[in-house]
Amino acid sequence: MAESTLTRRRSDNPQQETWHIYCGDVRVGTIGERAGVPIHADQWSWSCGFYPGLHPGQHQSGIAESFEAAREAFEAAWSDLQPTIPDTAFAEWRHDCDWRADMAAERSQGEKLDSEIRSTLMRCVCGTTFDSWKPSESYPHRAHITAAQAANETRR
């Protein structure tokens, strides 16, 4: 695997100290303060792994009493995980990241995504296809559909 240098970047959440860990441009994990835990509990958590690219069972995580302990545990987990990661996993993560950026750009421009464009065409029991959002097309078929629904109810 060509990529090996880890870097960390502070998240933009001022309420909680969290660091995102990167290998090149791929976010491979997180080290951060735990929220809502009692003061006597370990205050830091870490997670190692990324998706898409790796299987959920490959991800590792844990808790630690300090940032340094969490960082050391993360680095140990990464050292174990890194040799098993195929280069294609990083490419898969990048492809997904690019796709999400494209979708966000389309949405910010007011465009509907392919998944949001639903057909309003229906097929009547008489065999005619019509646009259910156009009253002039749908009204003539209401009687057919209602009759078919009534016939189905009496069969039950």
C-alpha atoms as a PDB file:
ATOM      1  CA  MET A   1       0.000   0.000   0.000  1.00  0.00           C
ATOM      2  CA  ALA A   2       1.448   3.359  -1.044  1.00  0.00           C
ATOM      3  CA  GLU A   3      -0.330   5.529   1.512  1.00  0.00           C
ATOM      4  CA  SER A   4       0.873   5.391   5.082  1.00  0.00           C
ATOM      5  CA  THR A   5       1.335   8.833   6.658  1.00  0.00           C
ATOM      6  CA  LEU A   6      -1.332   9.709   9.186  1.00  0.00           C
ATOM      7  CA  THR A   7      -2.368  13.290   9.848  1.00  0.00           C
ATOM      8  CA  ARG A   8      -5.040  14.666  12.118  1.00  0.00           C
ATOM      9  CA  ARG A   9      -7.345  17.649  11.740  1.00  0.00           C
ATOM     10  CA  ARG A  10      -9.429  19.213  14.460  1.00  0.00           C
ATOM     11  CA  SER A  11     -13.180  19.082  13.836  1.00  0.00           C
ATOM     12  CA  ASP A  12     -15.071  22.351  13.730  1.00  0.00           C
ATOM     13  CA  ASN A  13     -17.190  21.504  16.786  1.00  0.00           C
ATOM     14  CA  PRO A  14     -16.191  24.022  19.493  1.00  0.00           C
ATOM     15  CA  GLN A  15     -18.221  22.125  22.129  1.00  0.00           C
ATOM     16  CA  GLN A  16     -16.195  18.939  22.007  1.00  0.00           C
ATOM     17  CA  GLU A  17     -12.577  18.198  21.158  1.00  0.00           C
ATOM     18  CA  THR A  18     -12.547  15.789  18.233  1.00  0.00           C
ATOM     19  CA  TRP A  19      -9.793  14.939  15.800  1.00  0.00           C
ATOM     20  CA  HIS A  20     -10.340  13.342  12.390  1.00  0.00           C
ATOM     21  CA  ILE A  21      -7.493  11.071  11.353  1.00  0.00           C
ATOM     22  CA  TYR A  22      -6.500  10.940   7.670  1.00  0.00           C
ATOM     23  CA  CYS A  23      -4.294   8.723   5.583  1.00  0.00           C
ATOM     24  CA  GLY A  24      -3.629  10.947   2.610  1.00  0.00           C
ATOM     25  CA  ASP A  25      -7.041  12.401   1.788  1.00  0.00           C
ATOM     26  CA  VAL A  26      -9.059   9.479   3.206  1.00  0.00           C
ATOM     27  CA  ARG A  27     -10.558   9.864   6.667  1.00  0.00           C
ATOM     28  CA  VAL A  28      -9.607   6.629   8.405  1.00  0.00           C
ATOM     29  CA  GLY A  29     -10.718   7.338  11.948  1.00  0.00           C
ATOM     30  CA  THR A  30     -11.492   9.646  14.826  1.00  0.00           C
ATOM     31  CA  ILE A  31     -10.200  10.434  18.287  1.00  0.00           C
ATOM     32  CA  GLY A  32     -12.460  12.521  20.473  1.00  0.00           C
ATOM     33  CA  GLU A  33     -13.873  13.403  23.838  1.00  0.00           C
ATOM     34  CA  ARG A  34     -16.849  11.285  24.835  1.00  0.00           C
ATOM     35  CA  ALA A  35     -20.082  13.154  25.483  1.00  0.00           C
ATOM     36  CA  GLY A  36     -22.313  12.531  28.455  1.00  0.00           C
ATOM     37  CA  VAL A  37     -20.098  10.154  30.389  1.00  0.00           C
ATOM     38  CA  PRO A  38     -19.546  10.448  34.164  1.00  0.00           C
ATOM     39  CA  ILE A  39     -16.343  12.204  35.184  1.00  0.00           C
ATOM     40  CA  HIS A  40     -14.918   8.997  36.688  1.00  0.00           C
ATOM     41  CA  ALA A  41     -15.260   7.152  33.333  1.00  0.00           C
ATOM     42  CA  ASP A  42     -12.686   7.190  30.518  1.00  0.00           C
ATOM     43  CA  GLN A  43     -13.221  10.491  28.707  1.00  0.00           C
ATOM     44  CA  TRP A  44     -11.769   9.694  25.277  1.00  0.00           C
ATOM     45  CA  SER A  45     -12.789   7.352  22.463  1.00  0.00           C
ATOM     46  CA  TRP A  46     -11.201   6.339  19.210  1.00  0.00           C
ATOM     47  CA  SER A  47     -12.359   4.551  16.065  1.00  0.00           C
ATOM     48  CA  CYS A  48     -10.296   3.144  13.235  1.00  0.00           C
ATOM     49  CA  GLY A  49     -11.698   2.211   9.834  1.00  0.00           C
ATOM     50  CA  PHE A  50     -13.600   3.769   6.959  1.00  0.00           C
ATOM     51  CA  TYR A  51     -16.605   3.062   4.801  1.00  0.00           C
ATOM     52  CA  PRO A  52     -17.088   2.448   2.006  1.00  0.00           C
ATOM     53  CA  GLY A  53     -13.918   0.537   1.401  1.00  0.00           C
ATOM     54  CA  LEU A  54     -13.684  -1.701   4.441  1.00  0.00           C
ATOM     55  CA  HIS A  55     -16.158  -4.174   5.837  1.00  0.00           C
ATOM     56  CA  PRO A  56     -17.791  -3.150   9.142  1.00  0.00           C
ATOM     57  CA  GLY A  57     -16.121  -6.098  10.872  1.00  0.00           C
ATOM     58  CA  GLN A  58     -12.714  -4.639  10.058  1.00  0.00           C
ATOM     59  CA  HIS A  59     -13.386  -1.455  12.037  1.00  0.00           C
ATOM     60  CA  GLN A  60     -11.938  -1.182  15.524  1.00  0.00           C
ATOM     61  CA  SER A  61     -12.730   1.196  18.361  1.00  0.00           C
ATOM     62  CA  GLY A  62     -12.136   1.734  22.028  1.00  0.00           C
ATOM     63  CA  ILE A  63     -12.048   4.141  24.943  1.00  0.00           C
ATOM     64  CA  ALA A  64      -9.154   5.645  26.864  1.00  0.00           C
ATOM     65  CA  GLU A  65      -8.519   7.843  29.864  1.00  0.00           C
ATOM     66  CA  SER A  66      -6.547  10.501  27.931  1.00  0.00           C
ATOM     67  CA  PHE A  67      -5.987  11.824  24.430  1.00  0.00           C
ATOM     68  CA  GLU A  68      -2.483  10.334  24.407  1.00  0.00           C
ATOM     69  CA  ALA A  69      -3.758   6.893  25.405  1.00  0.00           C
ATOM     70  CA  ALA A  70      -6.461   7.077  22.726  1.00  0.00           C
ATOM     71  CA  ARG A  71      -3.890   8.151  20.125  1.00  0.00           C
ATOM     72  CA  GLU A  72      -1.596   5.249  21.036  1.00  0.00           C
ATOM     73  CA  ALA A  73      -4.475   2.744  20.870  1.00  0.00           C
ATOM     74  CA  PHE A  74      -5.571   4.157  17.506  1.00  0.00           C
ATOM     75  CA  GLU A  75      -2.049   3.917  16.096  1.00  0.00           C
ATOM     76  CA  ALA A  76      -1.734   0.304  17.284  1.00  0.00           C
ATOM     77  CA  ALA A  77      -5.069  -0.595  15.668  1.00  0.00           C
ATOM     78  CA  TRP A  78      -4.070   1.213  12.464  1.00  0.00           C
ATOM     79  CA  SER A  79      -0.738  -0.667  12.370  1.00  0.00           C
ATOM     80  CA  ASP A  80      -2.659  -3.958  12.510  1.00  0.00           C
ATOM     81  CA  LEU A  81      -5.311  -2.885  10.007  1.00  0.00           C
ATOM     82  CA  GLN A  82      -3.222  -1.065   7.403  1.00  0.00           C
ATOM     83  CA  PRO A  83      -1.443  -4.087   5.878  1.00  0.00           C
ATOM     84  CA  THR A  84      -4.800  -5.759   5.206  1.00  0.00           C
ATOM     85  CA  ILE A  85      -6.329  -2.818   3.319  1.00  0.00           C
ATOM     86  CA  PRO A  86      -6.313  -3.191  -0.476  1.00  0.00           C
ATOM     87  CA  ASP A  87      -5.565  -0.050  -2.532  1.00  0.00           C
ATOM     88  CA  THR A  88      -9.024  -0.405  -4.055  1.00  0.00           C
ATOM     89  CA  ALA A  89     -10.558   0.436  -0.662  1.00  0.00           C
ATOM     90  CA  PHE A  90      -9.090   3.946  -0.805  1.00  0.00           C
ATOM     91  CA  ALA A  91     -10.307   4.373  -4.389  1.00  0.00           C
ATOM     92  CA  GLU A  92     -13.787   3.231  -3.358  1.00  0.00           C
ATOM     93  CA  TRP A  93     -13.877   5.782  -0.524  1.00  0.00           C
ATOM     94  CA  ARG A  94     -12.754   8.581  -2.881  1.00  0.00           C
ATOM     95  CA  HIS A  95     -15.361   7.625  -5.471  1.00  0.00           C
ATOM     96  CA  ASP A  96     -18.099   7.738  -2.815  1.00  0.00           C
ATOM     97  CA  CYS A  97     -16.837  11.093  -1.525  1.00  0.00           C
ATOM     98  CA  ASP A  98     -16.878  12.543  -5.072  1.00  0.00           C
ATOM     99  CA  TRP A  99     -20.376  11.176  -5.690  1.00  0.00           C
ATOM    100  CA  ARG A 100     -21.673  12.759  -2.457  1.00  0.00           C
ATOM    101  CA  ALA A 101     -20.081  16.097  -3.383  1.00  0.00           C
ATOM    102  CA  ASP A 102     -21.744  15.959  -6.814  1.00  0.00           C
ATOM    103  CA  MET A 103     -25.133  15.227  -5.219  1.00  0.00           C
ATOM    104  CA  ALA A 104     -24.709  18.107  -2.757  1.00  0.00           C
ATOM    105  CA  ALA A 105     -23.790  20.473  -5.603  1.00  0.00           C
ATOM    106  CA  GLU A 106     -26.854  19.437  -7.614  1.00  0.00           C
ATOM    107  CA  ARG A 107     -29.100  19.872  -4.606  1.00  0.00           C
ATOM    108  CA  SER A 108     -27.640  23.308  -3.764  1.00  0.00           C
ATOM    109  CA  GLN A 109     -28.528  24.421  -7.291  1.00  0.00           C
ATOM    110  CA  GLY A 110     -32.115  23.352  -6.725  1.00  0.00           C
ATOM    111  CA  GLU A 111     -31.931  20.337  -9.016  1.00  0.00           C
ATOM    112  CA  LYS A 112     -33.845  17.242  -8.064  1.00  0.00           C
ATOM    113  CA  LEU A 113     -31.845  14.062  -7.759  1.00  0.00           C
ATOM    114  CA  ASP A 114     -32.745  11.068  -9.915  1.00  0.00           C
ATOM    115  CA  SER A 115     -34.065   9.327  -6.809  1.00  0.00           C
ATOM    116  CA  GLU A 116     -36.390  12.269  -6.107  1.00  0.00           C
ATOM    117  CA  ILE A 117     -37.987  12.272  -9.534  1.00  0.00           C
ATOM    118  CA  ARG A 118     -40.918   9.919  -9.284  1.00  0.00           C
ATOM    119  CA  SER A 119     -43.188   9.070 -12.099  1.00  0.00           C
ATOM    120  CA  THR A 120     -46.799  10.125 -11.689  1.00  0.00           C
ATOM    121  CA  LEU A 121     -47.896   7.767 -14.453  1.00  0.00           C
ATOM    122  CA  MET A 122     -50.391   5.058 -13.551  1.00  0.00           C
ATOM    123  CA  ARG A 123     -51.957   2.199 -15.434  1.00  0.00           C
ATOM    124  CA  CYS A 124     -55.702   1.834 -15.142  1.00  0.00           C
ATOM    125  CA  VAL A 125     -57.375  -1.559 -14.932  1.00  0.00           C
ATOM    126  CA  CYS A 126     -58.763  -0.791 -18.389  1.00  0.00           C
ATOM    127  CA  GLY A 127     -55.184  -0.806 -19.727  1.00  0.00           C
ATOM    128  CA  THR A 128     -54.757   2.933 -20.314  1.00  0.00           C
ATOM    129  CA  THR A 129     -51.700   4.723 -18.939  1.00  0.00           C
ATOM    130  CA  PHE A 130     -52.395   8.210 -17.558  1.00  0.00           C
ATOM    131  CA  ASP A 131     -50.762  10.939 -15.483  1.00  0.00           C
ATOM    132  CA  SER A 132     -52.309  10.801 -12.019  1.00  0.00           C
ATOM    133  CA  TRP A 133     -51.392  14.432 -11.354  1.00  0.00           C
ATOM    134  CA  LYS A 134     -53.443  15.684 -14.309  1.00  0.00           C
ATOM    135  CA  PRO A 135     -57.122  15.745 -13.350  1.00  0.00           C
ATOM    136  CA  SER A 136     -58.288  15.722 -16.957  1.00  0.00           C
ATOM    137  CA  GLU A 137     -56.459  12.425 -17.475  1.00  0.00           C
ATOM    138  CA  SER A 138     -57.201  10.797 -14.124  1.00  0.00           C
ATOM    139  CA  TYR A 139     -60.912  11.569 -13.647  1.00  0.00           C
ATOM    140  CA  PRO A 140     -62.176   9.209 -16.365  1.00  0.00           C
ATOM    141  CA  HIS A 141     -60.356   6.277 -14.714  1.00  0.00           C
ATOM    142  CA  ARG A 142     -61.539   6.806 -11.147  1.00  0.00           C
ATOM    143  CA  ALA A 143     -64.686   4.788 -11.751  1.00  0.00           C
ATOM    144  CA  HIS A 144     -62.636   1.884 -13.169  1.00  0.00           C
ATOM    145  CA  ILE A 145     -60.196   1.899 -10.250  1.00  0.00           C
ATOM    146  CA  THR A 146     -62.936   2.206  -7.635  1.00  0.00           C
ATOM    147  CA  ALA A 147     -64.857  -0.682  -9.193  1.00  0.00           C
ATOM    148  CA  ALA A 148     -61.738  -2.856  -9.263  1.00  0.00           C
ATOM    149  CA  GLN A 149     -60.993  -2.065  -5.607  1.00  0.00           C
ATOM    150  CA  ALA A 150     -64.584  -2.903  -4.611  1.00  0.00           C
ATOM    151  CA  ALA A 151     -64.402  -6.199  -6.497  1.00  0.00           C
ATOM    152  CA  ASN A 152     -61.162  -7.072  -4.668  1.00  0.00           C
ATOM    153  CA  GLU A 153     -62.742  -6.277  -1.289  1.00  0.00           C
ATOM    154  CA  THR A 154     -65.712  -8.584  -1.918  1.00  0.00           C
ATOM    155  CA  ARG A 155     -63.343 -11.448  -2.820  1.00  0.00           C
ATOM    156  CA  ARG A 156     -61.593 -11.297   0.563  1.00  0.00           C
END
